[in-house]
């Protein structure tokens, strides 16, 4: 399956400790800023439908707001309980814009969840 780089937002929209969620085609992606690094994972918890972008980020670990499952944003590995790992995506920052490497079938459109996004 081919992969595609998708522009999600301006890097300036990301704040440390405040995940941001996006809908890209049928897929939901969460971005996280930790120090000078930016990470991206599936935005939906593997345990039940809850958006990790509305969860709590501490260091490299995001906590699901619904049942407290914890995932490492660097690789998507579950750090608590017996929940399935989530998918982590490659991220690049180019000219102040954040791009994420996604499968072609989910990267056909880019619809940010946030109305604030004047970029696109």
PDB file of N, CA and C in Angstrom:
ATOM      1  N   UNK A   1       0.851  -1.183   0.000  1.00  0.00           N
ATOM      2  CA  UNK A   1       0.000   0.000   0.000  1.00  0.00           C
ATOM      3  C   UNK A   1       0.891   1.238   0.000  1.00  0.00           C
ATOM      4  N   UNK A   2       0.570   2.181  -0.852  1.00  0.00           N
ATOM      5  CA  UNK A   2       1.368   3.400  -0.948  1.00  0.00           C
ATOM      6  C   UNK A   2       1.115   4.304   0.258  1.00  0.00           C
ATOM      7  N   UNK A   3       2.091   5.111   0.557  1.00  0.00           N
ATOM      8  CA  UNK A   3       1.970   6.044   1.671  1.00  0.00           C
ATOM      9  C   UNK A   3       2.010   7.466   1.127  1.00  0.00           C
ATOM     10  N   UNK A   4       1.370   8.378   1.817  1.00  0.00           N
ATOM     11  CA  UNK A   4       1.277   9.761   1.389  1.00  0.00           C
ATOM     12  C   UNK A   4       1.552  10.695   2.557  1.00  0.00           C
ATOM     13  N   UNK A   5       2.280  11.751   2.299  1.00  0.00           N
ATOM     14  CA  UNK A   5       2.481  12.789   3.314  1.00  0.00           C
ATOM     15  C   UNK A   5       1.306  13.752   3.244  1.00  0.00           C
ATOM     16  N   UNK A   6       0.652  14.001   4.367  1.00  0.00           N
ATOM     17  CA  UNK A   6      -0.489  14.917   4.431  1.00  0.00           C
ATOM     18  C   UNK A   6      -0.176  16.084   5.355  1.00  0.00           C
ATOM     19  N   UNK A   7      -0.459  17.289   4.880  1.00  0.00           N
ATOM     20  CA  UNK A   7      -0.286  18.483   5.717  1.00  0.00           C
ATOM     21  C   UNK A   7      -1.453  18.548   6.698  1.00  0.00           C
ATOM     22  N   UNK A   8      -1.168  18.678   7.991  1.00  0.00           N
ATOM     23  CA  UNK A   8      -2.232  18.752   8.986  1.00  0.00           C
ATOM     24  C   UNK A   8      -2.445  20.159   9.531  1.00  0.00           C
ATOM     25  N   UNK A   9      -1.361  20.871   9.851  1.00  0.00           N
ATOM     26  CA  UNK A   9      -1.539  22.201  10.439  1.00  0.00           C
ATOM     27  C   UNK A   9      -0.207  22.923  10.485  1.00  0.00           C
ATOM     28  N   UNK A  10      -0.256  24.180  10.891  1.00  0.00           N
ATOM     29  CA  UNK A  10       0.963  24.934  11.136  1.00  0.00           C
ATOM     30  C   UNK A  10       1.574  24.454  12.451  1.00  0.00           C
ATOM     31  N   UNK A  11       2.888  24.369  12.504  1.00  0.00           N
ATOM     32  CA  UNK A  11       3.575  23.933  13.722  1.00  0.00           C
ATOM     33  C   UNK A  11       3.225  24.841  14.896  1.00  0.00           C
ATOM     34  N   UNK A  12       2.939  26.102  14.618  1.00  0.00           N
ATOM     35  CA  UNK A  12       2.635  27.071  15.682  1.00  0.00           C
ATOM     36  C   UNK A  12       1.334  26.751  16.416  1.00  0.00           C
ATOM     37  N   UNK A  13       0.497  25.885  15.848  1.00  0.00           N
ATOM     38  CA  UNK A  13      -0.765  25.505  16.514  1.00  0.00           C
ATOM     39  C   UNK A  13      -0.548  24.502  17.635  1.00  0.00           C
ATOM     40  N   UNK A  14       0.611  23.866  17.663  1.00  0.00           N
ATOM     41  CA  UNK A  14       0.871  22.839  18.670  1.00  0.00           C
ATOM     42  C   UNK A  14       1.495  23.440  19.924  1.00  0.00           C
ATOM     43  N   UNK A  15       0.947  23.044  21.067  1.00  0.00           N
ATOM     44  CA  UNK A  15       1.500  23.462  22.354  1.00  0.00           C
ATOM     45  C   UNK A  15       1.864  22.226  23.151  1.00  0.00           C
ATOM     46  N   UNK A  16       2.940  22.318  23.893  1.00  0.00           N
ATOM     47  CA  UNK A  16       3.379  21.183  24.710  1.00  0.00           C
ATOM     48  C   UNK A  16       2.273  20.769  25.671  1.00  0.00           C
ATOM     49  N   UNK A  17       2.013  19.465  25.732  1.00  0.00           N
ATOM     50  CA  UNK A  17       1.027  18.943  26.674  1.00  0.00           C
ATOM     51  C   UNK A  17      -0.414  19.094  26.221  1.00  0.00           C
ATOM     52  N   UNK A  18      -0.642  19.628  25.012  1.00  0.00           N
ATOM     53  CA  UNK A  18      -2.013  19.797  24.505  1.00  0.00           C
ATOM     54  C   UNK A  18      -2.168  19.102  23.158  1.00  0.00           C
ATOM     55  N   UNK A  19      -2.604  17.837  23.170  1.00  0.00           N
ATOM     56  CA  UNK A  19      -2.780  17.106  21.906  1.00  0.00           C
ATOM     57  C   UNK A  19      -3.812  17.784  21.008  1.00  0.00           C
ATOM     58  N   UNK A  20      -3.637  17.622  19.696  1.00  0.00           N
ATOM     59  CA  UNK A  20      -4.591  18.153  18.717  1.00  0.00           C
ATOM     60  C   UNK A  20      -5.074  17.005  17.844  1.00  0.00           C
ATOM     61  N   UNK A  21      -6.382  16.936  17.607  1.00  0.00           N
ATOM     62  CA  UNK A  21      -6.933  15.867  16.784  1.00  0.00           C
ATOM     63  C   UNK A  21      -7.368  16.370  15.418  1.00  0.00           C
ATOM     64  N   UNK A  22      -7.229  15.505  14.409  1.00  0.00           N
ATOM     65  CA  UNK A  22      -7.615  15.824  13.037  1.00  0.00           C
ATOM     66  C   UNK A  22      -8.328  14.638  12.430  1.00  0.00           C
ATOM     67  N   UNK A  23      -9.222  14.926  11.490  1.00  0.00           N
ATOM     68  CA  UNK A  23      -9.865  13.866  10.711  1.00  0.00           C
ATOM     69  C   UNK A  23      -9.288  13.945   9.310  1.00  0.00           C
ATOM     70  N   UNK A  24      -8.695  12.849   8.856  1.00  0.00           N
ATOM     71  CA  UNK A  24      -8.094  12.779   7.528  1.00  0.00           C
ATOM     72  C   UNK A  24      -8.798  11.642   6.805  1.00  0.00           C
ATOM     73  N   UNK A  25      -9.707  11.985   5.894  1.00  0.00           N
ATOM     74  CA  UNK A  25     -10.529  10.952   5.274  1.00  0.00           C
ATOM     75  C   UNK A  25     -11.358  10.285   6.352  1.00  0.00           C
ATOM     76  N   UNK A  26     -11.260   8.964   6.459  1.00  0.00           N
ATOM     77  CA  UNK A  26     -11.986   8.219   7.490  1.00  0.00           C
ATOM     78  C   UNK A  26     -11.141   7.992   8.736  1.00  0.00           C
ATOM     79  N   UNK A  27      -9.934   8.497   8.743  1.00  0.00           N
ATOM     80  CA  UNK A  27      -9.021   8.234   9.849  1.00  0.00           C
ATOM     81  C   UNK A  27      -8.883   9.457  10.750  1.00  0.00           C
ATOM     82  N   UNK A  28      -8.753   9.192  12.042  1.00  0.00           N
ATOM     83  CA  UNK A  28      -8.500  10.270  13.012  1.00  0.00           C
ATOM     84  C   UNK A  28      -7.057  10.168  13.473  1.00  0.00           C
ATOM     85  N   UNK A  29      -6.372  11.320  13.461  1.00  0.00           N
ATOM     86  CA  UNK A  29      -4.956  11.397  13.806  1.00  0.00           C
ATOM     87  C   UNK A  29      -4.786  12.413  14.925  1.00  0.00           C
ATOM     88  N   UNK A  30      -3.957  12.090  15.909  1.00  0.00           N
ATOM     89  CA  UNK A  30      -3.643  13.021  16.990  1.00  0.00           C
ATOM     90  C   UNK A  30      -2.182  13.431  16.883  1.00  0.00           C
ATOM     91  N   UNK A  31      -1.923  14.721  17.087  1.00  0.00           N
ATOM     92  CA  UNK A  31      -0.557  15.244  17.129  1.00  0.00           C
ATOM     93  C   UNK A  31      -0.214  15.635  18.557  1.00  0.00           C
ATOM     94  N   UNK A  32       1.048  15.419  18.918  1.00  0.00           N
ATOM     95  CA  UNK A  32       1.520  15.725  20.268  1.00  0.00           C
ATOM     96  C   UNK A  32       2.867  16.431  20.169  1.00  0.00           C
ATOM     97  N   UNK A  33       3.053  17.483  20.958  1.00  0.00           N
ATOM     98  CA  UNK A  33       4.348  18.150  21.029  1.00  0.00           C
ATOM     99  C   UNK A  33       4.972  17.822  22.383  1.00  0.00           C
ATOM    100  N   UNK A  34       6.183  17.253  22.340  1.00  0.00           N
ATOM    101  CA  UNK A  34       6.922  16.920  23.558  1.00  0.00           C
ATOM    102  C   UNK A  34       8.311  17.522  23.387  1.00  0.00           C
ATOM    103  N   UNK A  35       8.594  18.584  24.126  1.00  0.00           N
ATOM    104  CA  UNK A  35       9.859  19.293  23.939  1.00  0.00           C
ATOM    105  C   UNK A  35       9.884  19.883  22.540  1.00  0.00           C
ATOM    106  N   UNK A  36      10.943  19.592  21.792  1.00  0.00           N
ATOM    107  CA  UNK A  36      11.046  20.090  20.412  1.00  0.00           C
ATOM    108  C   UNK A  36      10.547  19.058  19.402  1.00  0.00           C
ATOM    109  N   UNK A  37      10.055  17.915  19.888  1.00  0.00           N
ATOM    110  CA  UNK A  37       9.627  16.838  19.001  1.00  0.00           C
ATOM    111  C   UNK A  37       8.118  16.821  18.820  1.00  0.00           C
ATOM    112  N   UNK A  38       7.681  16.347  17.652  1.00  0.00           N
ATOM    113  CA  UNK A  38       6.254  16.206  17.379  1.00  0.00           C
ATOM    114  C   UNK A  38       5.991  14.762  16.984  1.00  0.00           C
ATOM    115  N   UNK A  39       4.934  14.202  17.558  1.00  0.00           N
ATOM    116  CA  UNK A  39       4.571  12.804  17.317  1.00  0.00           C
ATOM    117  C   UNK A  39       3.132  12.738  16.834  1.00  0.00           C
ATOM    118  N   UNK A  40       2.792  11.642  16.132  1.00  0.00           N
ATOM    119  CA  UNK A  40       1.427  11.440  15.646  1.00  0.00           C
ATOM    120  C   UNK A  40       1.026   9.988  15.853  1.00  0.00           C
ATOM    121  N   UNK A  41      -0.227   9.788  16.308  1.00  0.00           N
ATOM    122  CA  UNK A  41      -0.774   8.444  16.468  1.00  0.00           C
ATOM    123  C   UNK A  41      -2.219   8.447  15.992  1.00  0.00           C
ATOM    124  N   UNK A  42      -2.805   7.238  15.964  1.00  0.00           N
ATOM    125  CA  UNK A  42      -4.254   7.149  15.827  1.00  0.00           C
ATOM    126  C   UNK A  42      -4.843   7.996  16.945  1.00  0.00           C
ATOM    127  N   UNK A  43      -5.959   8.665  16.678  1.00  0.00           N
ATOM    128  CA  UNK A  43      -6.596   9.491  17.704  1.00  0.00           C
ATOM    129  C   UNK A  43      -7.609   8.685  18.510  1.00  0.00           C
ATOM    130  N   UNK A  44      -7.948   7.484  18.035  1.00  0.00           N
ATOM    131  CA  UNK A  44      -8.977   6.693  18.704  1.00  0.00           C
ATOM    132  C   UNK A  44      -8.322   5.617  19.559  1.00  0.00           C
ATOM    133  N   UNK A  45      -8.718   5.536  20.819  1.00  0.00           N
ATOM    134  CA  UNK A  45      -8.207   4.524  21.737  1.00  0.00           C
ATOM    135  C   UNK A  45      -8.550   3.130  21.215  1.00  0.00           C
ATOM    136  N   UNK A  46      -7.656   2.173  21.419  1.00  0.00           N
ATOM    137  CA  UNK A  46      -7.893   0.801  20.940  1.00  0.00           C
ATOM    138  C   UNK A  46      -8.892   0.050  21.824  1.00  0.00           C
ATOM    139  N   UNK A  47      -9.233   0.603  22.972  1.00  0.00           N
ATOM    140  CA  UNK A  47     -10.114  -0.085  23.908  1.00  0.00           C
ATOM    141  C   UNK A  47     -11.584   0.221  23.630  1.00  0.00           C
ATOM    142  N   UNK A  48     -11.908   1.480  23.464  1.00  0.00           N
ATOM    143  CA  UNK A  48     -13.282   1.898  23.182  1.00  0.00           C
ATOM    144  C   UNK A  48     -13.195   3.225  22.444  1.00  0.00           C
ATOM    145  N   UNK A  49     -14.265   3.646  21.794  1.00  0.00           N
ATOM    146  CA  UNK A  49     -14.171   4.885  21.019  1.00  0.00           C
ATOM    147  C   UNK A  49     -14.058   6.085  21.949  1.00  0.00           C
ATOM    148  N   UNK A  50     -12.851   6.593  22.033  1.00  0.00           N
ATOM    149  CA  UNK A  50     -12.574   7.824  22.786  1.00  0.00           C
ATOM    150  C   UNK A  50     -11.418   8.488  22.070  1.00  0.00           C
ATOM    151  N   UNK A  51     -11.437   9.800  21.972  1.00  0.00           N
ATOM    152  CA  UNK A  51     -10.391  10.525  21.262  1.00  0.00           C
ATOM    153  C   UNK A  51      -9.225  10.825  22.205  1.00  0.00           C
ATOM    154  N   UNK A  52      -8.060  10.293  21.841  1.00  0.00           N
ATOM    155  CA  UNK A  52      -6.874  10.518  22.654  1.00  0.00           C
ATOM    156  C   UNK A  52      -6.483  11.990  22.664  1.00  0.00           C
ATOM    157  N   UNK A  53      -6.867  12.727  21.614  1.00  0.00           N
ATOM    158  CA  UNK A  53      -6.539  14.157  21.575  1.00  0.00           C
ATOM    159  C   UNK A  53      -7.281  14.935  22.656  1.00  0.00           C
ATOM    160  N   UNK A  54      -8.312  14.330  23.255  1.00  0.00           N
ATOM    161  CA  UNK A  54      -8.979  14.990  24.379  1.00  0.00           C
ATOM    162  C   UNK A  54      -8.517  14.385  25.707  1.00  0.00           C
ATOM    163  N   UNK A  55      -7.454  13.571  25.630  1.00  0.00           N
ATOM    164  CA  UNK A  55      -6.893  12.954  26.827  1.00  0.00           C
ATOM    165  C   UNK A  55      -5.812  13.813  27.449  1.00  0.00           C
ATOM    166  N   UNK A  56      -4.992  13.192  28.268  1.00  0.00           N
ATOM    167  CA  UNK A  56      -3.986  13.907  29.047  1.00  0.00           C
ATOM    168  C   UNK A  56      -2.604  13.447  28.614  1.00  0.00           C
ATOM    169  N   UNK A  57      -1.747  14.390  28.227  1.00  0.00           N
ATOM    170  CA  UNK A  57      -0.394  14.070  27.790  1.00  0.00           C
ATOM    171  C   UNK A  57       0.590  14.431  28.893  1.00  0.00           C
ATOM    172  N   UNK A  58       1.353  13.435  29.315  1.00  0.00           N
ATOM    173  CA  UNK A  58       2.392  13.678  30.315  1.00  0.00           C
ATOM    174  C   UNK A  58       3.666  13.043  29.802  1.00  0.00           C
ATOM    175  N   UNK A  59       4.655  13.868  29.498  1.00  0.00           N
ATOM    176  CA  UNK A  59       5.870  13.349  28.874  1.00  0.00           C
ATOM    177  C   UNK A  59       5.505  12.747  27.524  1.00  0.00           C
ATOM    178  N   UNK A  60       5.947  11.513  27.293  1.00  0.00           N
ATOM    179  CA  UNK A  60       5.656  10.833  26.023  1.00  0.00           C
ATOM    180  C   UNK A  60       4.431   9.921  26.116  1.00  0.00           C
ATOM    181  N   UNK A  61       3.640  10.044  27.176  1.00  0.00           N
ATOM    182  CA  UNK A  61       2.503   9.136  27.362  1.00  0.00           C
ATOM    183  C   UNK A  61       1.190   9.910  27.352  1.00  0.00           C
ATOM    184  N   UNK A  62       0.254   9.452  26.501  1.00  0.00           N
ATOM    185  CA  UNK A  62      -1.081  10.046  26.469  1.00  0.00           C
ATOM    186  C   UNK A  62      -2.039   9.087  27.168  1.00  0.00           C
ATOM    187  N   UNK A  63      -2.929   9.656  27.975  1.00  0.00           N
ATOM    188  CA  UNK A  63      -3.902   8.857  28.711  1.00  0.00           C
ATOM    189  C   UNK A  63      -5.280   9.062  28.118  1.00  0.00           C
ATOM    190  N   UNK A  64      -5.951   7.961  27.799  1.00  0.00           N
ATOM    191  CA  UNK A  64      -7.310   8.012  27.260  1.00  0.00           C
ATOM    192  C   UNK A  64      -8.239   8.657  28.300  1.00  0.00           C
ATOM    193  N   UNK A  65      -9.094   9.603  27.862  1.00  0.00           N
ATOM    194  CA  UNK A  65      -9.980  10.273  28.813  1.00  0.00           C
ATOM    195  C   UNK A  65     -11.114   9.383  29.311  1.00  0.00           C
ATOM    196  N   UNK A  66     -11.349   8.248  28.650  1.00  0.00           N
ATOM    197  CA  UNK A  66     -12.488   7.405  29.001  1.00  0.00           C
ATOM    198  C   UNK A  66     -12.165   6.387  30.095  1.00  0.00           C
ATOM    199  N   UNK A  67     -11.164   5.559  29.861  1.00  0.00           N
ATOM    200  CA  UNK A  67     -10.851   4.502  30.825  1.00  0.00           C
ATOM    201  C   UNK A  67      -9.416   4.529  31.325  1.00  0.00           C
ATOM    202  N   UNK A  68      -8.655   5.566  30.947  1.00  0.00           N
ATOM    203  CA  UNK A  68      -7.302   5.696  31.483  1.00  0.00           C
ATOM    204  C   UNK A  68      -6.239   4.839  30.832  1.00  0.00           C
ATOM    205  N   UNK A  69      -6.526   4.222  29.679  1.00  0.00           N
ATOM    206  CA  UNK A  69      -5.480   3.476  28.977  1.00  0.00           C
ATOM    207  C   UNK A  69      -4.367   4.456  28.618  1.00  0.00           C
ATOM    208  N   UNK A  70      -3.117   4.003  28.686  1.00  0.00           N
ATOM    209  CA  UNK A  70      -1.981   4.881  28.415  1.00  0.00           C
ATOM    210  C   UNK A  70      -1.167   4.347  27.249  1.00  0.00           C
ATOM    211  N   UNK A  71      -0.795   5.269  26.352  1.00  0.00           N
ATOM    212  CA  UNK A  71      -0.046   4.906  25.147  1.00  0.00           C
ATOM    213  C   UNK A  71       1.164   5.809  25.000  1.00  0.00           C
ATOM    214  N   UNK A  72       2.283   5.216  24.557  1.00  0.00           N
ATOM    215  CA  UNK A  72       3.490   5.983  24.279  1.00  0.00           C
ATOM    216  C   UNK A  72       3.327   6.611  22.895  1.00  0.00           C
ATOM    217  N   UNK A  73       3.396   7.932  22.807  1.00  0.00           N
ATOM    218  CA  UNK A  73       3.159   8.610  21.533  1.00  0.00           C
ATOM    219  C   UNK A  73       4.302   8.397  20.549  1.00  0.00           C
ATOM    220  N   UNK A  74       5.446   7.901  21.033  1.00  0.00           N
ATOM    221  CA  UNK A  74       6.583   7.660  20.132  1.00  0.00           C
ATOM    222  C   UNK A  74       6.369   6.433  19.261  1.00  0.00           C
ATOM    223  N   UNK A  75       5.714   5.389  19.807  1.00  0.00           N
ATOM    224  CA  UNK A  75       5.565   4.141  19.039  1.00  0.00           C
ATOM    225  C   UNK A  75       4.157   3.551  19.101  1.00  0.00           C
ATOM    226  N   UNK A  76       3.248   4.180  19.848  1.00  0.00           N
ATOM    227  CA  UNK A  76       1.873   3.687  19.927  1.00  0.00           C
ATOM    228  C   UNK A  76       1.669   2.530  20.894  1.00  0.00           C
ATOM    229  N   UNK A  77       2.716   2.120  21.602  1.00  0.00           N
ATOM    230  CA  UNK A  77       2.599   0.968  22.508  1.00  0.00           C
ATOM    231  C   UNK A  77       1.750   1.299  23.723  1.00  0.00           C
ATOM    232  N   UNK A  78       0.911   0.340  24.067  1.00  0.00           N
ATOM    233  CA  UNK A  78       0.088   0.498  25.265  1.00  0.00           C
ATOM    234  C   UNK A  78       0.973   0.310  26.484  1.00  0.00           C
ATOM    235  N   UNK A  79       0.879   1.234  27.442  1.00  0.00           N
ATOM    236  CA  UNK A  79       1.703   1.194  28.651  1.00  0.00           C
ATOM    237  C   UNK A  79       0.903   0.794  29.888  1.00  0.00           C
ATOM    238  N   UNK A  80      -0.378   0.473  29.692  1.00  0.00           N
ATOM    239  CA  UNK A  80      -1.199   0.083  30.848  1.00  0.00           C
ATOM    240  C   UNK A  80      -2.243  -0.921  30.402  1.00  0.00           C
ATOM    241  N   UNK A  81      -2.609  -1.819  31.269  1.00  0.00           N
ATOM    242  CA  UNK A  81      -3.661  -2.776  30.946  1.00  0.00           C
ATOM    243  C   UNK A  81      -3.267  -3.696  29.808  1.00  0.00           C
ATOM    244  N   UNK A  82      -4.253  -4.314  29.217  1.00  0.00           N
ATOM    245  CA  UNK A  82      -3.999  -5.273  28.146  1.00  0.00           C
ATOM    246  C   UNK A  82      -4.616  -4.799  26.840  1.00  0.00           C
ATOM    247  N   UNK A  83      -4.680  -3.488  26.656  1.00  0.00           N
ATOM    248  CA  UNK A  83      -5.263  -2.940  25.431  1.00  0.00           C
ATOM    249  C   UNK A  83      -4.288  -3.103  24.267  1.00  0.00           C
ATOM    250  N   UNK A  84      -4.847  -3.110  23.056  1.00  0.00           N
ATOM    251  CA  UNK A  84      -4.011  -3.208  21.859  1.00  0.00           C
ATOM    252  C   UNK A  84      -3.227  -1.907  21.680  1.00  0.00           C
ATOM    253  N   UNK A  85      -2.046  -2.041  21.062  1.00  0.00           N
ATOM    254  CA  UNK A  85      -1.262  -0.855  20.708  1.00  0.00           C
ATOM    255  C   UNK A  85      -2.044  -0.057  19.663  1.00  0.00           C
ATOM    256  N   UNK A  86      -1.709   1.214  19.542  1.00  0.00           N
ATOM    257  CA  UNK A  86      -2.310   2.040  18.491  1.00  0.00           C
ATOM    258  C   UNK A  86      -1.224   2.326  17.459  1.00  0.00           C
ATOM    259  N   UNK A  87      -1.626   2.799  16.294  1.00  0.00           N
ATOM    260  CA  UNK A  87      -0.690   3.070  15.223  1.00  0.00           C
ATOM    261  C   UNK A  87       0.011   4.409  15.456  1.00  0.00           C
ATOM    262  N   UNK A  88       1.311   4.429  15.239  1.00  0.00           N
ATOM    263  CA  UNK A  88       2.075   5.682  15.281  1.00  0.00           C
ATOM    264  C   UNK A  88       2.492   6.011  13.849  1.00  0.00           C
ATOM    265  N   UNK A  89       2.538   7.279  13.534  1.00  0.00           N
ATOM    266  CA  UNK A  89       2.870   7.724  12.178  1.00  0.00           C
ATOM    267  C   UNK A  89       4.145   8.555  12.181  1.00  0.00           C
ATOM    268  N   UNK A  90       4.850   8.540  11.051  1.00  0.00           N
ATOM    269  CA  UNK A  90       6.014   9.404  10.892  1.00  0.00           C
ATOM    270  C   UNK A  90       5.528  10.845  10.743  1.00  0.00           C
ATOM    271  N   UNK A  91       6.300  11.776  11.304  1.00  0.00           N
ATOM    272  CA  UNK A  91       5.946  13.194  11.263  1.00  0.00           C
ATOM    273  C   UNK A  91       7.136  13.980  10.749  1.00  0.00           C
ATOM    274  N   UNK A  92       6.867  14.985   9.918  1.00  0.00           N
ATOM    275  CA  UNK A  92       7.916  15.909   9.485  1.00  0.00           C
ATOM    276  C   UNK A  92       7.409  17.326   9.650  1.00  0.00           C
ATOM    277  N   UNK A  93       8.314  18.212  10.032  1.00  0.00           N
ATOM    278  CA  UNK A  93       8.009  19.640  10.069  1.00  0.00           C
ATOM    279  C   UNK A  93       8.771  20.276   8.917  1.00  0.00           C
ATOM    280  N   UNK A  94       8.029  20.873   7.977  1.00  0.00           N
ATOM    281  CA  UNK A  94       8.653  21.510   6.819  1.00  0.00           C
ATOM    282  C   UNK A  94       8.152  22.937   6.715  1.00  0.00           C
ATOM    283  N   UNK A  95       9.052  23.878   6.733  1.00  0.00           N
ATOM    284  CA  UNK A  95       8.697  25.299   6.597  1.00  0.00           C
ATOM    285  C   UNK A  95       7.580  25.704   7.548  1.00  0.00           C
ATOM    286  N   UNK A  96       7.662  25.229   8.801  1.00  0.00           N
ATOM    287  CA  UNK A  96       6.671  25.619   9.800  1.00  0.00           C
ATOM    288  C   UNK A  96       5.342  24.901   9.681  1.00  0.00           C
ATOM    289  N   UNK A  97       5.277  23.858   8.826  1.00  0.00           N
ATOM    290  CA  UNK A  97       4.042  23.094   8.664  1.00  0.00           C
ATOM    291  C   UNK A  97       4.287  21.643   9.046  1.00  0.00           C
ATOM    292  N   UNK A  98       3.257  21.023   9.634  1.00  0.00           N
ATOM    293  CA  UNK A  98       3.365  19.641  10.089  1.00  0.00           C
ATOM    294  C   UNK A  98       2.757  18.702   9.050  1.00  0.00           C
ATOM    295  N   UNK A  99       3.536  17.688   8.662  1.00  0.00           N
ATOM    296  CA  UNK A  99       3.091  16.664   7.722  1.00  0.00           C
ATOM    297  C   UNK A  99       3.165  15.301   8.412  1.00  0.00           C
ATOM    298  N   UNK A 100       2.179  14.445   8.107  1.00  0.00           N
ATOM    299  CA  UNK A 100       2.138  13.102   8.675  1.00  0.00           C
ATOM    300  C   UNK A 100       2.068  12.094   7.538  1.00  0.00           C
ATOM    301  N   UNK A 101       2.765  10.972   7.683  1.00  0.00           N
ATOM    302  CA  UNK A 101       2.849   9.922   6.666  1.00  0.00           C
ATOM    303  C   UNK A 101       1.706   8.927   6.862  1.00  0.00           C
ATOM    304  N   UNK A 102       0.716   8.925   5.959  1.00  0.00           N
ATOM    305  CA  UNK A 102      -0.483   8.097   6.098  1.00  0.00           C
ATOM    306  C   UNK A 102      -0.672   7.165   4.911  1.00  0.00           C
ATOM    307  N   UNK A 103      -1.477   6.112   5.115  1.00  0.00           N
ATOM    308  CA  UNK A 103      -1.847   5.227   4.015  1.00  0.00           C
ATOM    309  C   UNK A 103      -2.672   6.007   3.008  1.00  0.00           C
ATOM    310  N   UNK A 104      -2.506   5.709   1.724  1.00  0.00           N
ATOM    311  CA  UNK A 104      -3.241   6.405   0.670  1.00  0.00           C
ATOM    312  C   UNK A 104      -4.749   6.359   0.848  1.00  0.00           C
ATOM    313  N   UNK A 105      -5.285   5.208   1.264  1.00  0.00           N
ATOM    314  CA  UNK A 105      -6.739   5.079   1.319  1.00  0.00           C
ATOM    315  C   UNK A 105      -7.384   5.969   2.381  1.00  0.00           C
ATOM    316  N   UNK A 106      -6.603   6.476   3.331  1.00  0.00           N
ATOM    317  CA  UNK A 106      -7.185   7.370   4.337  1.00  0.00           C
ATOM    318  C   UNK A 106      -6.714   8.802   4.140  1.00  0.00           C
ATOM    319  N   UNK A 107      -5.881   9.017   3.142  1.00  0.00           N
ATOM    320  CA  UNK A 107      -5.281  10.344   2.995  1.00  0.00           C
ATOM    321  C   UNK A 107      -5.870  11.128   1.826  1.00  0.00           C
ATOM    322  N   UNK A 108      -7.058  10.787   1.399  1.00  0.00           N
ATOM    323  CA  UNK A 108      -7.649  11.462   0.253  1.00  0.00           C
ATOM    324  C   UNK A 108      -8.127  12.866   0.557  1.00  0.00           C
ATOM    325  N   UNK A 109      -8.509  13.118   1.799  1.00  0.00           N
ATOM    326  CA  UNK A 109      -8.972  14.456   2.143  1.00  0.00           C
ATOM    327  C   UNK A 109      -8.431  14.829   3.514  1.00  0.00           C
ATOM    328  N   UNK A 110      -8.393  16.107   3.777  1.00  0.00           N
ATOM    329  CA  UNK A 110      -7.863  16.590   5.053  1.00  0.00           C
ATOM    330  C   UNK A 110      -8.876  17.554   5.629  1.00  0.00           C
ATOM    331  N   UNK A 111      -9.600  17.107   6.644  1.00  0.00           N
ATOM    332  CA  UNK A 111     -10.611  17.942   7.267  1.00  0.00           C
ATOM    333  C   UNK A 111     -10.278  18.118   8.736  1.00  0.00           C
ATOM    334  N   UNK A 112      -9.645  19.229   9.099  1.00  0.00           N
ATOM    335  CA  UNK A 112      -9.327  19.414  10.521  1.00  0.00           C
ATOM    336  C   UNK A 112     -10.592  19.471  11.366  1.00  0.00           C
ATOM    337  N   UNK A 113     -10.510  18.867  12.541  1.00  0.00           N
ATOM    338  CA  UNK A 113     -11.649  18.927  13.480  1.00  0.00           C
ATOM    339  C   UNK A 113     -11.845  20.351  13.991  1.00  0.00           C
ATOM    340  N   UNK A 114     -10.776  21.138  13.953  1.00  0.00           N
ATOM    341  CA  UNK A 114     -10.828  22.462  14.557  1.00  0.00           C
ATOM    342  C   UNK A 114     -11.144  23.516  13.509  1.00  0.00           C
ATOM    343  N   UNK A 115     -12.164  24.303  13.721  1.00  0.00           N
ATOM    344  CA  UNK A 115     -12.560  25.359  12.793  1.00  0.00           C
ATOM    345  C   UNK A 115     -11.503  26.460  12.749  1.00  0.00           C
ATOM    346  N   UNK A 116     -10.574  26.458  13.705  1.00  0.00           N
ATOM    347  CA  UNK A 116      -9.553  27.504  13.779  1.00  0.00           C
ATOM    348  C   UNK A 116      -8.562  27.411  12.633  1.00  0.00           C
ATOM    349  N   UNK A 117      -8.521  26.274  11.938  1.00  0.00           N
ATOM    350  CA  UNK A 117      -7.477  26.045  10.952  1.00  0.00           C
ATOM    351  C   UNK A 117      -7.695  26.861   9.701  1.00  0.00           C
ATOM    352  N   UNK A 118      -6.965  27.937   9.575  1.00  0.00           N
ATOM    353  CA  UNK A 118      -7.090  28.778   8.396  1.00  0.00           C
ATOM    354  C   UNK A 118      -6.052  28.379   7.351  1.00  0.00           C
ATOM    355  N   UNK A 119      -5.244  27.381   7.648  1.00  0.00           N
ATOM    356  CA  UNK A 119      -4.163  26.919   6.770  1.00  0.00           C
ATOM    357  C   UNK A 119      -4.773  26.068   5.649  1.00  0.00           C
ATOM    358  N   UNK A 120      -4.492  25.115   5.105  1.00  0.00           N
ATOM    359  CA  UNK A 120      -5.102  24.178   4.151  1.00  0.00           C
ATOM    360  C   UNK A 120      -4.829  24.576   2.764  1.00  0.00           C
TER     361      UNK A 120
END
